[in-house]
Amino acid sequence: MKKLILTLLLGGIIMTGAFANPSAGSGTAFVYFSATGTTERMARNAAKEMGADLIEIEPVHKYTSADLNWHDKKSLSSVECNDPKSRPAIANKIDISAYDTVVVCYPIWWAYAPKIVYTFVESQNWSGKKLVTICTSGGSGLGRSGNDLAKFAKGADFKGGKDFTRGSGADIKKYIDGLLK
C-alpha cells in the first residue's frame, strides 16, 4: 500500500512538472535591433550564454548603407535621430508577456537608441517586468540611452544598462546576473 501511494504521489509530481509552462511569466528574452549585424552577434552570443530567447526587432524599411550614413544630414538614420517623435514601423509582432526579464539590445546612434527601439518599447506592457539595456557603440558608449528608454517602458523595473561592444556572451551573463541578484 505504501508503495502504491508513493508511486501515485511521485507520478503526480512528475505529471505536474511535465505539463507546467516554464516560460509563462518567467525567463529572459533578448530583444534586439541591428542594422549592420554587430548588435545581432552580441545579442545572439549573450542569449546563447544565458539560455534565453532571442527576438529581433525587424524594421518595415530595411536600412541600407546610404540610410546609415551619419555624414549625410538627409540620410534616414540622421532624419530619424533628429526627430524626437520619429517612430519607425516594426514589421514583426513582438510579445514579451511570457518573460519576466527583457534585455533590449541596440546600437548607439548619435548618443541614443535608434528610434525603432522606442517604437518597440512603447508598444509593450512592461508591468512587473525587469528591463536591462545593452548596446554596441562606435565610440560614444551607452550614455543616457538606457535611462531614456526606461522612461518609455512604463511600469518596467529598470535594472541598468551597459555598452558591450567588446564584451563576450559570458561577460554579459555575468553583468546581468549581478543586476538581477
Protein backbone atom coordinates (compact mmCIF):
# COMPACT_ATOMS: atom_id res chain seq x y z
CA MET A 1 0.00 0.00 0.00
CA LYS A 2 2.82 2.40 0.87
CA LYS A 3 4.45 1.63 -2.49
CA LEU A 4 1.19 2.40 -4.30
CA ILE A 5 0.71 5.71 -2.50
CA LEU A 6 4.35 6.66 -3.06
CA THR A 7 4.09 5.72 -6.76
CA LEU A 8 0.90 7.76 -7.19
CA LEU A 9 2.40 10.72 -5.36
CA LEU A 10 5.60 10.58 -7.37
CA GLY A 11 3.61 10.19 -10.59
CA GLY A 12 1.52 13.24 -9.72
CA ILE A 13 4.61 15.32 -9.10
CA ILE A 14 6.16 14.21 -12.39
CA MET A 15 2.94 14.86 -14.33
CA THR A 16 2.55 18.32 -12.81
CA GLY A 17 6.09 19.21 -13.84
CA ALA A 18 5.58 17.75 -17.29
CA PHE A 19 2.59 19.93 -18.03
CA ALA A 20 3.84 23.15 -16.43
CA ASN A 21 4.55 26.02 -18.79
CA PRO A 22 8.04 27.14 -17.75
CA SER A 23 8.04 30.26 -19.93
CA ALA A 24 4.74 31.69 -18.70
CA GLY A 25 5.77 34.74 -16.71
CA SER A 26 9.37 33.62 -16.28
CA GLY A 27 12.58 33.57 -18.19
CA THR A 28 14.59 36.04 -20.15
CA ALA A 29 14.34 37.38 -23.68
CA PHE A 30 16.97 39.32 -25.58
CA VAL A 31 15.14 41.68 -27.93
CA TYR A 32 17.48 43.33 -30.39
CA PHE A 33 17.66 45.73 -33.29
CA SER A 34 20.70 45.56 -35.55
CA ALA A 35 21.19 47.38 -38.83
CA THR A 36 24.68 46.05 -39.63
CA GLY A 37 24.91 42.74 -37.76
CA THR A 38 27.17 43.91 -34.92
CA THR A 39 24.40 44.16 -32.31
CA GLU A 40 22.83 40.93 -33.58
CA ARG A 41 26.06 39.00 -32.94
CA MET A 42 26.35 40.46 -29.45
CA ALA A 43 22.71 39.66 -28.60
CA ARG A 44 22.91 36.17 -30.11
CA ASN A 45 26.05 35.29 -28.10
CA ALA A 46 24.58 36.65 -24.87
CA ALA A 47 21.23 34.88 -25.32
CA LYS A 48 23.02 31.60 -26.03
CA GLU A 49 25.22 32.02 -22.95
CA MET A 50 22.17 32.69 -20.76
CA GLY A 51 19.87 30.10 -22.35
CA ALA A 52 17.45 32.92 -23.18
CA ASP A 53 15.14 33.52 -26.12
CA LEU A 54 16.28 35.82 -28.92
CA ILE A 55 13.81 38.13 -30.67
CA GLU A 56 14.66 40.51 -33.50
CA ILE A 57 13.04 43.91 -33.99
CA GLU A 58 12.56 43.85 -37.76
CA PRO A 59 12.03 47.22 -39.42
CA VAL A 60 9.48 47.58 -42.19
CA HIS A 61 12.13 49.55 -44.07
CA LYS A 62 15.48 47.69 -44.00
CA TYR A 63 18.29 50.17 -43.52
CA THR A 64 20.79 50.46 -46.38
CA SER A 65 24.33 51.78 -46.05
CA ALA A 66 23.06 55.08 -47.51
CA ASP A 67 20.36 55.19 -44.81
CA LEU A 68 23.04 54.76 -42.14
CA ASN A 69 25.41 57.44 -43.47
CA TRP A 70 25.68 59.74 -40.47
CA HIS A 71 27.72 62.23 -42.53
CA ASP A 72 24.61 62.86 -44.68
CA LYS A 73 22.08 65.02 -42.84
CA LYS A 74 19.38 63.72 -45.20
CA SER A 75 20.07 60.02 -44.57
CA LEU A 76 17.20 58.12 -42.99
CA SER A 77 19.02 57.49 -39.71
CA SER A 78 20.02 61.17 -39.45
CA VAL A 79 16.45 62.32 -40.09
CA GLU A 80 15.04 59.84 -37.53
CA CYS A 81 17.60 60.76 -34.89
CA ASN A 82 16.87 64.45 -35.26
CA ASP A 83 13.11 63.94 -34.87
CA PRO A 84 12.17 63.10 -31.26
CA LYS A 85 8.72 61.96 -32.42
CA SER A 86 10.03 59.57 -35.08
CA ARG A 87 8.81 56.01 -34.51
CA PRO A 88 9.71 53.75 -37.47
CA ALA A 89 7.34 50.84 -38.04
CA ILE A 90 8.18 47.31 -36.94
CA ALA A 91 7.47 44.51 -39.43
CA ASN A 92 7.07 41.66 -36.93
CA LYS A 93 4.78 41.28 -33.92
CA ILE A 94 6.69 41.02 -30.65
CA ASP A 95 5.07 39.84 -27.43
CA ILE A 96 7.09 39.95 -24.21
CA SER A 97 4.24 38.82 -21.95
CA ALA A 98 5.86 35.41 -21.30
CA TYR A 99 9.05 36.91 -19.86
CA ASP A 100 9.91 38.45 -16.53
CA THR A 101 13.23 39.89 -17.74
CA VAL A 102 13.74 41.60 -21.09
CA VAL A 103 17.19 42.66 -22.27
CA VAL A 104 16.88 45.28 -25.00
CA CYS A 105 19.93 45.34 -27.29
CA TYR A 106 20.67 48.10 -29.78
CA PRO A 107 23.41 50.11 -31.46
CA ILE A 108 24.05 53.68 -30.35
CA TRP A 109 23.09 56.27 -32.95
CA TRP A 110 24.01 59.84 -32.09
CA ALA A 111 24.17 59.01 -28.36
CA TYR A 112 20.71 57.39 -28.31
CA ALA A 113 18.99 54.14 -29.17
CA PRO A 114 17.61 54.09 -32.72
CA LYS A 115 14.02 55.33 -32.86
CA ILE A 116 12.71 51.89 -33.83
CA VAL A 117 13.76 50.69 -30.38
CA TYR A 118 11.47 53.36 -28.91
CA THR A 119 8.69 52.02 -31.16
CA PHE A 120 9.22 48.58 -29.61
CA VAL A 121 9.49 49.80 -26.00
CA GLU A 122 6.35 51.93 -26.26
CA SER A 123 4.35 49.07 -27.80
CA GLN A 124 4.78 46.68 -24.86
CA ASN A 125 3.19 46.15 -21.46
CA TRP A 126 6.13 46.41 -19.03
CA SER A 127 4.18 45.93 -15.79
CA GLY A 128 6.09 43.61 -13.49
CA LYS A 129 8.99 43.16 -15.92
CA LYS A 130 12.68 43.76 -15.34
CA LEU A 131 14.38 45.78 -18.08
CA VAL A 132 18.09 45.71 -18.87
CA THR A 133 19.61 47.60 -21.80
CA ILE A 134 22.85 46.74 -23.56
CA CYS A 135 24.34 48.39 -26.59
CA THR A 136 27.08 48.37 -29.15
CA SER A 137 28.78 51.62 -29.98
CA GLY A 138 31.36 53.04 -32.31
CA GLY A 139 32.68 55.25 -29.53
CA SER A 140 30.06 57.15 -27.55
CA GLY A 141 29.04 54.33 -25.20
CA LEU A 142 25.66 53.76 -23.55
CA GLY A 143 25.31 57.33 -22.34
CA ARG A 144 21.76 58.10 -21.16
CA SER A 145 20.13 55.76 -23.68
CA GLY A 146 19.19 53.10 -21.13
CA ASN A 147 17.63 55.58 -18.74
CA ASP A 148 15.91 57.30 -21.64
CA LEU A 149 14.36 54.04 -22.91
CA ALA A 150 13.30 53.14 -19.36
CA LYS A 151 11.16 56.31 -19.25
CA PHE A 152 9.16 54.97 -22.20
CA ALA A 153 8.90 51.45 -20.75
CA LYS A 154 6.02 52.33 -18.43
CA GLY A 155 5.88 50.01 -15.42
CA ALA A 156 9.29 48.39 -16.01
CA ASP A 157 11.78 47.84 -13.22
CA PHE A 158 14.88 49.25 -14.93
CA LYS A 159 17.92 47.40 -13.64
CA GLY A 160 20.63 49.18 -15.63
CA GLY A 161 22.50 49.18 -18.88
CA LYS A 162 25.97 48.91 -20.31
CA ASP A 163 27.96 49.09 -23.54
CA PHE A 164 29.14 45.63 -24.60
CA THR A 165 30.74 46.46 -27.93
CA ARG A 166 33.80 44.44 -26.96
CA GLY A 167 32.22 42.10 -24.42
CA SER A 168 31.59 38.38 -24.74
CA GLY A 169 28.40 36.47 -24.03
CA ALA A 170 29.96 35.34 -20.74
CA ASP A 171 30.72 38.98 -19.81
CA ILE A 172 27.11 39.94 -20.49
CA LYS A 173 25.77 36.98 -18.50
CA LYS A 174 27.95 37.94 -15.51
CA TYR A 175 26.76 41.55 -15.71
CA ILE A 176 23.07 40.68 -15.98
CA ASP A 177 23.26 38.03 -13.26
CA GLY A 178 24.79 40.69 -10.99
CA LEU A 179 21.99 43.14 -11.77
CA LEU A 180 19.27 40.61 -11.07
CA LYS A 181 20.56 39.44 -7.67
